[in-house]
Amino acid sequence: MILRRWRGAVRAEDAEAYLAHQSRTGIREYRSTPGNLGAVVLRRALDDGLVEVVTLSFWESMDAVRRFAGAEPHVAVFYPGDDDLLVEKDPHVDHHEVVDVDLADALTGPRPAP
């Protein structure tokens, strides 16, 4: 499995609008691409009044990533309207091979002790 990581930042007052926009554009396109396994969007307030947005998407393979991103998967994909909201946008995307995952407690709550 491949994890694709992108980051950007918006003004605090634009955070909700950007997250809704991202859901309608990038996240929707991820999910409609064969080989996408899902996505997680993170946000955090920064000291300078910006809100950082980190998008993690999960893919079966780099071939699946290329179906979404094209021949240069390390280049970020942007959509009309992004420039109206993003104050910072990283043009580069990182890819990582996922070697271990244990999310059971995060998704369902702690398991009883054996």
PDB file of N, CA and C in Angstrom:
ATOM      1  N   MET A   1       0.856  -1.171   0.000  1.00  0.00           N
ATOM      2  CA  MET A   1       0.000   0.000   0.000  1.00  0.00           C
ATOM      3  C   MET A   1       0.905   1.237   0.000  1.00  0.00           C
ATOM      4  N   ILE A   2       0.444   2.274  -0.686  1.00  0.00           N
ATOM      5  CA  ILE A   2       1.158   3.544  -0.784  1.00  0.00           C
ATOM      6  C   ILE A   2       0.348   4.626  -0.075  1.00  0.00           C
ATOM      7  N   LEU A   3       1.022   5.419   0.743  1.00  0.00           N
ATOM      8  CA  LEU A   3       0.421   6.594   1.358  1.00  0.00           C
ATOM      9  C   LEU A   3       0.946   7.813   0.604  1.00  0.00           C
ATOM     10  N   ARG A   4       0.043   8.657   0.161  1.00  0.00           N
ATOM     11  CA  ARG A   4       0.375   9.904  -0.545  1.00  0.00           C
ATOM     12  C   ARG A   4       0.067  11.051   0.403  1.00  0.00           C
ATOM     13  N   ARG A   5       1.083  11.920   0.632  1.00  0.00           N
ATOM     14  CA  ARG A   5       0.941  13.008   1.611  1.00  0.00           C
ATOM     15  C   ARG A   5       1.127  14.356   0.948  1.00  0.00           C
ATOM     16  N   TRP A   6       0.135  15.250   1.169  1.00  0.00           N
ATOM     17  CA  TRP A   6       0.205  16.629   0.670  1.00  0.00           C
ATOM     18  C   TRP A   6      -0.163  17.576   1.796  1.00  0.00           C
ATOM     19  N   ARG A   7       0.421  18.793   1.779  1.00  0.00           N
ATOM     20  CA  ARG A   7       0.075  19.799   2.788  1.00  0.00           C
ATOM     21  C   ARG A   7      -0.129  21.162   2.158  1.00  0.00           C
ATOM     22  N   GLY A   8      -0.982  21.931   2.812  1.00  0.00           N
ATOM     23  CA  GLY A   8      -1.220  23.316   2.436  1.00  0.00           C
ATOM     24  C   GLY A   8      -1.705  24.061   3.662  1.00  0.00           C
ATOM     25  N   ALA A   9      -2.002  25.340   3.503  1.00  0.00           N
ATOM     26  CA  ALA A   9      -2.508  26.122   4.622  1.00  0.00           C
ATOM     27  C   ALA A   9      -3.490  27.175   4.107  1.00  0.00           C
ATOM     28  N   VAL A  10      -4.458  27.474   4.952  1.00  0.00           N
ATOM     29  CA  VAL A  10      -5.480  28.476   4.649  1.00  0.00           C
ATOM     30  C   VAL A  10      -5.604  29.419   5.842  1.00  0.00           C
ATOM     31  N   ARG A  11      -6.188  30.586   5.599  1.00  0.00           N
ATOM     32  CA  ARG A  11      -6.514  31.477   6.709  1.00  0.00           C
ATOM     33  C   ARG A  11      -7.574  30.788   7.578  1.00  0.00           C
ATOM     34  N   ALA A  12      -7.518  31.028   8.874  1.00  0.00           N
ATOM     35  CA  ALA A  12      -8.453  30.370   9.793  1.00  0.00           C
ATOM     36  C   ALA A  12      -9.899  30.579   9.361  1.00  0.00           C
ATOM     37  N   GLU A  13     -10.221  31.787   8.898  1.00  0.00           N
ATOM     38  CA  GLU A  13     -11.609  32.065   8.504  1.00  0.00           C
ATOM     39  C   GLU A  13     -12.026  31.331   7.226  1.00  0.00           C
ATOM     40  N   ASP A  14     -11.059  30.795   6.477  1.00  0.00           N
ATOM     41  CA  ASP A  14     -11.358  30.062   5.249  1.00  0.00           C
ATOM     42  C   ASP A  14     -11.289  28.543   5.416  1.00  0.00           C
ATOM     43  N   ALA A  15     -10.966  28.077   6.626  1.00  0.00           N
ATOM     44  CA  ALA A  15     -10.727  26.647   6.825  1.00  0.00           C
ATOM     45  C   ALA A  15     -11.938  25.795   6.456  1.00  0.00           C
ATOM     46  N   GLU A  16     -13.110  26.142   6.962  1.00  0.00           N
ATOM     47  CA  GLU A  16     -14.295  25.314   6.679  1.00  0.00           C
ATOM     48  C   GLU A  16     -14.634  25.326   5.192  1.00  0.00           C
ATOM     49  N   ALA A  17     -14.519  26.493   4.565  1.00  0.00           N
ATOM     50  CA  ALA A  17     -14.801  26.587   3.124  1.00  0.00           C
ATOM     51  C   ALA A  17     -13.816  25.748   2.327  1.00  0.00           C
ATOM     52  N   TYR A  18     -12.542  25.785   2.718  1.00  0.00           N
ATOM     53  CA  TYR A  18     -11.550  24.992   1.976  1.00  0.00           C
ATOM     54  C   TYR A  18     -11.792  23.502   2.172  1.00  0.00           C
ATOM     55  N   LEU A  19     -12.075  23.081   3.399  1.00  0.00           N
ATOM     56  CA  LEU A  19     -12.301  21.656   3.635  1.00  0.00           C
ATOM     57  C   LEU A  19     -13.512  21.150   2.846  1.00  0.00           C
ATOM     58  N   ALA A  20     -14.556  21.939   2.746  1.00  0.00           N
ATOM     59  CA  ALA A  20     -15.714  21.558   1.933  1.00  0.00           C
ATOM     60  C   ALA A  20     -15.333  21.504   0.457  1.00  0.00           C
ATOM     61  N   HIS A  21     -14.571  22.487  -0.005  1.00  0.00           N
ATOM     62  CA  HIS A  21     -14.101  22.520  -1.401  1.00  0.00           C
ATOM     63  C   HIS A  21     -13.237  21.295  -1.697  1.00  0.00           C
ATOM     64  N   GLN A  22     -12.313  20.984  -0.787  1.00  0.00           N
ATOM     65  CA  GLN A  22     -11.434  19.835  -0.991  1.00  0.00           C
ATOM     66  C   GLN A  22     -12.231  18.538  -1.048  1.00  0.00           C
ATOM     67  N   SER A  23     -13.255  18.439  -0.222  1.00  0.00           N
ATOM     68  CA  SER A  23     -14.099  17.247  -0.233  1.00  0.00           C
ATOM     69  C   SER A  23     -14.798  17.074  -1.580  1.00  0.00           C
ATOM     70  N   ARG A  24     -15.264  18.194  -2.166  1.00  0.00           N
ATOM     71  CA  ARG A  24     -15.973  18.154  -3.455  1.00  0.00           C
ATOM     72  C   ARG A  24     -15.031  17.918  -4.640  1.00  0.00           C
ATOM     73  N   THR A  25     -13.769  18.214  -4.480  1.00  0.00           N
ATOM     74  CA  THR A  25     -12.825  18.127  -5.603  1.00  0.00           C
ATOM     75  C   THR A  25     -11.861  16.967  -5.397  1.00  0.00           C
ATOM     76  N   GLY A  26     -10.776  17.205  -4.689  1.00  0.00           N
ATOM     77  CA  GLY A  26      -9.720  16.201  -4.550  1.00  0.00           C
ATOM     78  C   GLY A  26     -10.168  14.901  -3.921  1.00  0.00           C
ATOM     79  N   ILE A  27     -10.852  14.982  -2.793  1.00  0.00           N
ATOM     80  CA  ILE A  27     -11.270  13.751  -2.117  1.00  0.00           C
ATOM     81  C   ILE A  27     -12.237  12.961  -2.996  1.00  0.00           C
ATOM     82  N   ARG A  28     -13.176  13.651  -3.624  1.00  0.00           N
ATOM     83  CA  ARG A  28     -14.115  12.962  -4.519  1.00  0.00           C
ATOM     84  C   ARG A  28     -13.368  12.292  -5.667  1.00  0.00           C
ATOM     85  N   GLU A  29     -12.352  12.994  -6.232  1.00  0.00           N
ATOM     86  CA  GLU A  29     -11.593  12.398  -7.339  1.00  0.00           C
ATOM     87  C   GLU A  29     -10.746  11.220  -6.854  1.00  0.00           C
ATOM     88  N   TYR A  30     -10.142  11.339  -5.666  1.00  0.00           N
ATOM     89  CA  TYR A  30      -9.413  10.187  -5.109  1.00  0.00           C
ATOM     90  C   TYR A  30     -10.325   8.972  -5.104  1.00  0.00           C
ATOM     91  N   ARG A  31     -11.498   9.153  -4.476  1.00  0.00           N
ATOM     92  CA  ARG A  31     -12.388   8.019  -4.236  1.00  0.00           C
ATOM     93  C   ARG A  31     -12.946   7.421  -5.517  1.00  0.00           C
ATOM     94  N   SER A  32     -12.992   8.196  -6.588  1.00  0.00           N
ATOM     95  CA  SER A  32     -13.498   7.658  -7.856  1.00  0.00           C
ATOM     96  C   SER A  32     -12.390   7.049  -8.711  1.00  0.00           C
ATOM     97  N   THR A  33     -11.149   7.078  -8.239  1.00  0.00           N
ATOM     98  CA  THR A  33     -10.030   6.521  -8.991  1.00  0.00           C
ATOM     99  C   THR A  33      -9.823   5.067  -8.593  1.00  0.00           C
ATOM    100  N   PRO A  34      -9.836   4.144  -9.561  1.00  0.00           N
ATOM    101  CA  PRO A  34      -9.569   2.750  -9.231  1.00  0.00           C
ATOM    102  C   PRO A  34      -8.225   2.598  -8.519  1.00  0.00           C
ATOM    103  N   GLY A  35      -8.238   1.852  -7.433  1.00  0.00           N
ATOM    104  CA  GLY A  35      -7.018   1.627  -6.665  1.00  0.00           C
ATOM    105  C   GLY A  35      -6.882   2.533  -5.460  1.00  0.00           C
ATOM    106  N   ASN A  36      -7.805   3.500  -5.287  1.00  0.00           N
ATOM    107  CA  ASN A  36      -7.776   4.321  -4.081  1.00  0.00           C
ATOM    108  C   ASN A  36      -8.413   3.530  -2.952  1.00  0.00           C
ATOM    109  N   LEU A  37      -7.779   3.565  -1.794  1.00  0.00           N
ATOM    110  CA  LEU A  37      -8.255   2.822  -0.636  1.00  0.00           C
ATOM    111  C   LEU A  37      -8.851   3.720   0.448  1.00  0.00           C
ATOM    112  N   GLY A  38      -8.850   5.031   0.197  1.00  0.00           N
ATOM    113  CA  GLY A  38      -9.420   5.959   1.172  1.00  0.00           C
ATOM    114  C   GLY A  38      -8.514   7.149   1.388  1.00  0.00           C
ATOM    115  N   ALA A  39      -8.973   8.055   2.225  1.00  0.00           N
ATOM    116  CA  ALA A  39      -8.216   9.269   2.510  1.00  0.00           C
ATOM    117  C   ALA A  39      -8.532   9.751   3.918  1.00  0.00           C
ATOM    118  N   VAL A  40      -7.578  10.472   4.484  1.00  0.00           N
ATOM    119  CA  VAL A  40      -7.719  11.101   5.786  1.00  0.00           C
ATOM    120  C   VAL A  40      -7.282  12.550   5.619  1.00  0.00           C
ATOM    121  N   VAL A  41      -8.085  13.478   6.135  1.00  0.00           N
ATOM    122  CA  VAL A  41      -7.734  14.901   6.086  1.00  0.00           C
ATOM    123  C   VAL A  41      -7.497  15.368   7.511  1.00  0.00           C
ATOM    124  N   LEU A  42      -6.349  15.993   7.733  1.00  0.00           N
ATOM    125  CA  LEU A  42      -5.964  16.505   9.049  1.00  0.00           C
ATOM    126  C   LEU A  42      -5.913  18.017   8.994  1.00  0.00           C
ATOM    127  N   ARG A  43      -6.209  18.657  10.116  1.00  0.00           N
ATOM    128  CA  ARG A  43      -6.029  20.102  10.187  1.00  0.00           C
ATOM    129  C   ARG A  43      -5.522  20.458  11.574  1.00  0.00           C
ATOM    130  N   ARG A  44      -4.768  21.565  11.621  1.00  0.00           N
ATOM    131  CA  ARG A  44      -4.316  22.079  12.911  1.00  0.00           C
ATOM    132  C   ARG A  44      -4.097  23.572  12.795  1.00  0.00           C
ATOM    133  N   ALA A  45      -4.458  24.268  13.850  1.00  0.00           N
ATOM    134  CA  ALA A  45      -4.245  25.713  13.900  1.00  0.00           C
ATOM    135  C   ALA A  45      -2.770  25.978  14.144  1.00  0.00           C
ATOM    136  N   LEU A  46      -2.215  26.906  13.389  1.00  0.00           N
ATOM    137  CA  LEU A  46      -0.828  27.320  13.557  1.00  0.00           C
ATOM    138  C   LEU A  46      -0.791  28.643  14.314  1.00  0.00           C
ATOM    139  N   ASP A  47       0.349  28.972  14.878  1.00  0.00           N
ATOM    140  CA  ASP A  47       0.487  30.191  15.676  1.00  0.00           C
ATOM    141  C   ASP A  47       0.316  31.467  14.871  1.00  0.00           C
ATOM    142  N   ASP A  48       0.492  31.394  13.544  1.00  0.00           N
ATOM    143  CA  ASP A  48       0.440  32.605  12.718  1.00  0.00           C
ATOM    144  C   ASP A  48      -0.956  32.914  12.183  1.00  0.00           C
ATOM    145  N   GLY A  49      -1.981  32.247  12.697  1.00  0.00           N
ATOM    146  CA  GLY A  49      -3.353  32.494  12.254  1.00  0.00           C
ATOM    147  C   GLY A  49      -3.778  31.652  11.069  1.00  0.00           C
ATOM    148  N   LEU A  50      -2.889  30.786  10.611  1.00  0.00           N
ATOM    149  CA  LEU A  50      -3.231  29.891   9.514  1.00  0.00           C
ATOM    150  C   LEU A  50      -3.675  28.542  10.060  1.00  0.00           C
ATOM    151  N   VAL A  51      -4.361  27.803   9.220  1.00  0.00           N
ATOM    152  CA  VAL A  51      -4.732  26.419   9.524  1.00  0.00           C
ATOM    153  C   VAL A  51      -4.032  25.538   8.499  1.00  0.00           C
ATOM    154  N   GLU A  52      -3.203  24.634   8.997  1.00  0.00           N
ATOM    155  CA  GLU A  52      -2.517  23.677   8.121  1.00  0.00           C
ATOM    156  C   GLU A  52      -3.472  22.535   7.799  1.00  0.00           C
ATOM    157  N   VAL A  53      -3.478  22.130   6.538  1.00  0.00           N
ATOM    158  CA  VAL A  53      -4.284  20.999   6.090  1.00  0.00           C
ATOM    159  C   VAL A  53      -3.323  19.975   5.501  1.00  0.00           C
ATOM    160  N   VAL A  54      -3.394  18.758   6.006  1.00  0.00           N
ATOM    161  CA  VAL A  54      -2.580  17.658   5.501  1.00  0.00           C
ATOM    162  C   VAL A  54      -3.539  16.590   4.999  1.00  0.00           C
ATOM    163  N   THR A  55      -3.331  16.167   3.776  1.00  0.00           N
ATOM    164  CA  THR A  55      -4.177  15.136   3.191  1.00  0.00           C
ATOM    165  C   THR A  55      -3.344  13.878   2.986  1.00  0.00           C
ATOM    166  N   LEU A  56      -3.826  12.782   3.544  1.00  0.00           N
ATOM    167  CA  LEU A  56      -3.199  11.479   3.394  1.00  0.00           C
ATOM    168  C   LEU A  56      -4.159  10.609   2.594  1.00  0.00           C
ATOM    169  N   SER A  57      -3.698  10.107   1.480  1.00  0.00           N
ATOM    170  CA  SER A  57      -4.545   9.187   0.714  1.00  0.00           C
ATOM    171  C   SER A  57      -3.818   7.861   0.588  1.00  0.00           C
ATOM    172  N   PHE A  58      -4.594   6.806   0.501  1.00  0.00           N
ATOM    173  CA  PHE A  58      -4.057   5.454   0.512  1.00  0.00           C
ATOM    174  C   PHE A  58      -4.379   4.787  -0.819  1.00  0.00           C
ATOM    175  N   TRP A  59      -3.374   4.119  -1.374  1.00  0.00           N
ATOM    176  CA  TRP A  59      -3.462   3.569  -2.726  1.00  0.00           C
ATOM    177  C   TRP A  59      -2.930   2.152  -2.764  1.00  0.00           C
ATOM    178  N   GLU A  60      -3.491   1.344  -3.656  1.00  0.00           N
ATOM    179  CA  GLU A  60      -3.031  -0.041  -3.815  1.00  0.00           C
ATOM    180  C   GLU A  60      -1.584  -0.104  -4.284  1.00  0.00           C
ATOM    181  N   SER A  61      -1.176   0.852  -5.140  1.00  0.00           N
ATOM    182  CA  SER A  61       0.153   0.805  -5.763  1.00  0.00           C
ATOM    183  C   SER A  61       0.478   2.170  -6.356  1.00  0.00           C
ATOM    184  N   MET A  62       1.720   2.342  -6.789  1.00  0.00           N
ATOM    185  CA  MET A  62       2.084   3.575  -7.484  1.00  0.00           C
ATOM    186  C   MET A  62       1.366   3.662  -8.827  1.00  0.00           C
ATOM    187  N   ASP A  63       1.033   2.539  -9.434  1.00  0.00           N
ATOM    188  CA  ASP A  63       0.239   2.582 -10.673  1.00  0.00           C
ATOM    189  C   ASP A  63      -1.125   3.213 -10.402  1.00  0.00           C
ATOM    190  N   ALA A  64      -1.715   2.876  -9.262  1.00  0.00           N
ATOM    191  CA  ALA A  64      -2.999   3.482  -8.899  1.00  0.00           C
ATOM    192  C   ALA A  64      -2.835   4.983  -8.665  1.00  0.00           C
ATOM    193  N   VAL A  65      -1.745   5.383  -8.010  1.00  0.00           N
ATOM    194  CA  VAL A  65      -1.476   6.809  -7.802  1.00  0.00           C
ATOM    195  C   VAL A  65      -1.379   7.515  -9.150  1.00  0.00           C
ATOM    196  N   ARG A  66      -0.689   6.905 -10.098  1.00  0.00           N
ATOM    197  CA  ARG A  66      -0.537   7.511 -11.429  1.00  0.00           C
ATOM    198  C   ARG A  66      -1.880   7.642 -12.153  1.00  0.00           C
ATOM    199  N   ARG A  67      -2.807   6.713 -11.907  1.00  0.00           N
ATOM    200  CA  ARG A  67      -4.141   6.858 -12.509  1.00  0.00           C
ATOM    201  C   ARG A  67      -4.792   8.151 -12.033  1.00  0.00           C
ATOM    202  N   PHE A  68      -4.514   8.549 -10.802  1.00  0.00           N
ATOM    203  CA  PHE A  68      -5.053   9.800 -10.274  1.00  0.00           C
ATOM    204  C   PHE A  68      -4.196  11.007 -10.683  1.00  0.00           C
ATOM    205  N   ALA A  69      -2.883  10.919 -10.465  1.00  0.00           N
ATOM    206  CA  ALA A  69      -2.005  12.091 -10.569  1.00  0.00           C
ATOM    207  C   ALA A  69      -1.330  12.245 -11.923  1.00  0.00           C
ATOM    208  N   GLY A  70      -1.334  11.214 -12.737  1.00  0.00           N
ATOM    209  CA  GLY A  70      -0.676  11.301 -14.034  1.00  0.00           C
ATOM    210  C   GLY A  70       0.772  10.825 -13.997  1.00  0.00           C
ATOM    211  N   ALA A  71       1.504  11.162 -15.040  1.00  0.00           N
ATOM    212  CA  ALA A  71       2.859  10.650 -15.241  1.00  0.00           C
ATOM    213  C   ALA A  71       3.867  11.178 -14.228  1.00  0.00           C
ATOM    214  N   GLU A  72       3.543  12.274 -13.557  1.00  0.00           N
ATOM    215  CA  GLU A  72       4.448  12.840 -12.548  1.00  0.00           C
ATOM    216  C   GLU A  72       3.739  12.842 -11.193  1.00  0.00           C
ATOM    217  N   PRO A  73       3.673  11.681 -10.548  1.00  0.00           N
ATOM    218  CA  PRO A  73       2.873  11.579  -9.337  1.00  0.00           C
ATOM    219  C   PRO A  73       3.396  12.406  -8.166  1.00  0.00           C
ATOM    220  N   HIS A  74       4.637  12.848  -8.233  1.00  0.00           N
ATOM    221  CA  HIS A  74       5.204  13.665  -7.154  1.00  0.00           C
ATOM    222  C   HIS A  74       4.754  15.130  -7.236  1.00  0.00           C
ATOM    223  N   VAL A  75       4.068  15.489  -8.316  1.00  0.00           N
ATOM    224  CA  VAL A  75       3.555  16.847  -8.489  1.00  0.00           C
ATOM    225  C   VAL A  75       2.111  16.884  -7.991  1.00  0.00           C
ATOM    226  N   ALA A  76       1.812  17.850  -7.133  1.00  0.00           N
ATOM    227  CA  ALA A  76       0.464  17.963  -6.565  1.00  0.00           C
ATOM    228  C   ALA A  76      -0.561  18.276  -7.645  1.00  0.00           C
ATOM    229  N   VAL A  77      -1.778  17.799  -7.418  1.00  0.00           N
ATOM    230  CA  VAL A  77      -2.909  18.070  -8.300  1.00  0.00           C
ATOM    231  C   VAL A  77      -3.730  19.186  -7.649  1.00  0.00           C
ATOM    232  N   PHE A  78      -3.996  20.250  -8.415  1.00  0.00           N
ATOM    233  CA  PHE A  78      -4.793  21.360  -7.910  1.00  0.00           C
ATOM    234  C   PHE A  78      -6.056  21.514  -8.742  1.00  0.00           C
ATOM    235  N   TYR A  79      -7.047  22.201  -8.163  1.00  0.00           N
ATOM    236  CA  TYR A  79      -8.362  22.342  -8.768  1.00  0.00           C
ATOM    237  C   TYR A  79      -8.742  23.813  -8.854  1.00  0.00           C
ATOM    238  N   PRO A  80      -9.637  24.148  -9.793  1.00  0.00           N
ATOM    239  CA  PRO A  80     -10.150  25.524  -9.827  1.00  0.00           C
ATOM    240  C   PRO A  80     -10.742  25.871  -8.455  1.00  0.00           C
ATOM    241  N   GLY A  81     -10.421  27.032  -7.962  1.00  0.00           N
ATOM    242  CA  GLY A  81     -10.882  27.470  -6.652  1.00  0.00           C
ATOM    243  C   GLY A  81      -9.854  27.310  -5.556  1.00  0.00           C
ATOM    244  N   ASP A  82      -8.857  26.449  -5.753  1.00  0.00           N
ATOM    245  CA  ASP A  82      -7.818  26.269  -4.739  1.00  0.00           C
ATOM    246  C   ASP A  82      -7.091  27.580  -4.455  1.00  0.00           C
ATOM    247  N   ASP A  83      -6.735  28.302  -5.512  1.00  0.00           N
ATOM    248  CA  ASP A  83      -5.971  29.542  -5.330  1.00  0.00           C
ATOM    249  C   ASP A  83      -6.768  30.609  -4.589  1.00  0.00           C
ATOM    250  N   ASP A  84      -8.084  30.518  -4.602  1.00  0.00           N
ATOM    251  CA  ASP A  84      -8.908  31.482  -3.883  1.00  0.00           C
ATOM    252  C   ASP A  84      -8.845  31.276  -2.371  1.00  0.00           C
ATOM    253  N   LEU A  85      -8.461  30.079  -1.942  1.00  0.00           N
ATOM    254  CA  LEU A  85      -8.508  29.739  -0.522  1.00  0.00           C
ATOM    255  C   LEU A  85      -7.145  29.421   0.087  1.00  0.00           C
ATOM    256  N   LEU A  86      -6.279  28.791  -0.676  1.00  0.00           N
ATOM    257  CA  LEU A  86      -4.986  28.376  -0.129  1.00  0.00           C
ATOM    258  C   LEU A  86      -4.017  29.545  -0.045  1.00  0.00           C
ATOM    259  N   VAL A  87      -3.432  29.727   1.124  1.00  0.00           N
ATOM    260  CA  VAL A  87      -2.380  30.729   1.325  1.00  0.00           C
ATOM    261  C   VAL A  87      -1.029  30.087   1.037  1.00  0.00           C
ATOM    262  N   GLU A  88      -0.893  28.821   1.389  1.00  0.00           N
ATOM    263  CA  GLU A  88       0.299  28.029   1.104  1.00  0.00           C
ATOM    264  C   GLU A  88      -0.164  26.752   0.423  1.00  0.00           C
ATOM    265  N   LYS A  89       0.540  26.361  -0.627  1.00  0.00           N
ATOM    266  CA  LYS A  89       0.225  25.074  -1.256  1.00  0.00           C
ATOM    267  C   LYS A  89       1.522  24.444  -1.721  1.00  0.00           C
ATOM    268  N   ASP A  90       1.773  23.289  -1.196  1.00  0.00           N
ATOM    269  CA  ASP A  90       2.988  22.573  -1.530  1.00  0.00           C
ATOM    270  C   ASP A  90       2.816  21.963  -2.916  1.00  0.00           C
ATOM    271  N   PRO A  91       3.700  22.299  -3.858  1.00  0.00           N
ATOM    272  CA  PRO A  91       3.583  21.716  -5.196  1.00  0.00           C
ATOM    273  C   PRO A  91       4.092  20.278  -5.261  1.00  0.00           C
ATOM    274  N   HIS A  92       4.734  19.831  -4.192  1.00  0.00           N
ATOM    275  CA  HIS A  92       5.329  18.492  -4.144  1.00  0.00           C
ATOM    276  C   HIS A  92       4.486  17.587  -3.244  1.00  0.00           C
ATOM    277  N   VAL A  93       4.394  16.335  -3.624  1.00  0.00           N
ATOM    278  CA  VAL A  93       3.688  15.320  -2.843  1.00  0.00           C
ATOM    279  C   VAL A  93       4.683  14.226  -2.487  1.00  0.00           C
ATOM    280  N   ASP A  94       4.624  13.747  -1.259  1.00  0.00           N
ATOM    281  CA  ASP A  94       5.477  12.637  -0.834  1.00  0.00           C
ATOM    282  C   ASP A  94       4.692  11.334  -0.895  1.00  0.00           C
ATOM    283  N   HIS A  95       5.391  10.268  -1.215  1.00  0.00           N
ATOM    284  CA  HIS A  95       4.809   8.935  -1.226  1.00  0.00           C
ATOM    285  C   HIS A  95       5.615   8.039  -0.299  1.00  0.00           C
ATOM    286  N   HIS A  96       4.907   7.218   0.470  1.00  0.00           N
ATOM    287  CA  HIS A  96       5.540   6.305   1.406  1.00  0.00           C
ATOM    288  C   HIS A  96       4.932   4.925   1.223  1.00  0.00           C
ATOM    289  N   GLU A  97       5.755   3.908   1.320  1.00  0.00           N
ATOM    290  CA  GLU A  97       5.257   2.545   1.348  1.00  0.00           C
ATOM    291  C   GLU A  97       4.777   2.257   2.765  1.00  0.00           C
ATOM    292  N   VAL A  98       3.557   1.819   2.896  1.00  0.00           N
ATOM    293  CA  VAL A  98       3.008   1.485   4.207  1.00  0.00           C
ATOM    294  C   VAL A  98       3.474   0.071   4.535  1.00  0.00           C
ATOM    295  N   VAL A  99       4.170  -0.056   5.662  1.00  0.00           N
ATOM    296  CA  VAL A  99       4.715  -1.360   6.029  1.00  0.00           C
ATOM    297  C   VAL A  99       3.998  -1.998   7.213  1.00  0.00           C
ATOM    298  N   ASP A 100       3.225  -1.200   7.958  1.00  0.00           N
ATOM    299  CA  ASP A 100       2.489  -1.746   9.092  1.00  0.00           C
ATOM    300  C   ASP A 100       1.339  -0.789   9.428  1.00  0.00           C
ATOM    301  N   VAL A 101       0.195  -1.339   9.755  1.00  0.00           N
ATOM    302  CA  VAL A 101      -0.961  -0.534  10.144  1.00  0.00           C
ATOM    303  C   VAL A 101      -1.657  -1.250  11.291  1.00  0.00           C
ATOM    304  N   ASP A 102      -1.992  -0.496  12.334  1.00  0.00           N
ATOM    305  CA  ASP A 102      -2.813  -1.018  13.417  1.00  0.00           C
ATOM    306  C   ASP A 102      -3.726   0.118  13.861  1.00  0.00           C
ATOM    307  N   LEU A 103      -4.897   0.175  13.270  1.00  0.00           N
ATOM    308  CA  LEU A 103      -5.846   1.244  13.552  1.00  0.00           C
ATOM    309  C   LEU A 103      -7.081   0.767  14.293  1.00  0.00           C
ATOM    310  N   ALA A 104      -7.103  -0.465  14.721  1.00  0.00           N
ATOM    311  CA  ALA A 104      -8.317  -1.018  15.316  1.00  0.00           C
ATOM    312  C   ALA A 104      -8.821  -0.158  16.469  1.00  0.00           C
ATOM    313  N   ASP A 105      -7.954   0.240  17.379  1.00  0.00           N
ATOM    314  CA  ASP A 105      -8.395   1.038  18.523  1.00  0.00           C
ATOM    315  C   ASP A 105      -8.836   2.424  18.086  1.00  0.00           C
ATOM    316  N   ALA A 106      -8.158   2.987  17.101  1.00  0.00           N
ATOM    317  CA  ALA A 106      -8.519   4.330  16.624  1.00  0.00           C
ATOM    318  C   ALA A 106      -9.896   4.335  15.990  1.00  0.00           C
ATOM    319  N   LEU A 107     -10.272   3.235  15.372  1.00  0.00           N
ATOM    320  CA  LEU A 107     -11.529   3.186  14.645  1.00  0.00           C
ATOM    321  C   LEU A 107     -12.681   2.633  15.480  1.00  0.00           C
ATOM    322  N   THR A 108     -12.384   1.746  16.425  1.00  0.00           N
ATOM    323  CA  THR A 108     -13.460   1.075  17.158  1.00  0.00           C
ATOM    324  C   THR A 108     -13.390   1.259  18.663  1.00  0.00           C
ATOM    325  N   GLY A 109     -12.365   1.885  19.161  1.00  0.00           N
ATOM    326  CA  GLY A 109     -12.167   2.024  20.600  1.00  0.00           C
ATOM    327  C   GLY A 109     -11.274   0.922  21.117  1.00  0.00           C
ATOM    328  N   PRO A 110     -10.781   1.086  22.318  1.00  0.00           N
ATOM    329  CA  PRO A 110      -9.860   0.089  22.893  1.00  0.00           C
ATOM    330  C   PRO A 110     -10.508  -1.287  22.990  1.00  0.00           C
ATOM    331  N   ARG A 111      -9.696  -2.290  22.748  1.00  0.00           N
ATOM    332  CA  ARG A 111     -10.144  -3.678  22.920  1.00  0.00           C
ATOM    333  C   ARG A 111      -9.963  -4.092  24.370  1.00  0.00           C
ATOM    334  N   PRO A 112     -10.798  -4.988  24.850  1.00  0.00           N
ATOM    335  CA  PRO A 112     -10.605  -5.462  26.244  1.00  0.00           C
ATOM    336  C   PRO A 112      -9.263  -6.170  26.375  1.00  0.00           C
ATOM    337  N   ALA A 113      -8.663  -6.057  27.540  1.00  0.00           N
ATOM    338  CA  ALA A 113      -7.392  -6.739  27.798  1.00  0.00           C
ATOM    339  C   ALA A 113      -7.634  -8.240  27.743  1.00  0.00           C
ATOM    340  N   PRO A 114      -6.655  -8.998  27.240  1.00  0.00           N
ATOM    341  CA  PRO A 114      -6.818 -10.466  27.193  1.00  0.00           C
ATOM    342  C   PRO A 114      -6.792 -11.090  28.550  1.00  0.00           C
TER     343      PRO A 114
END
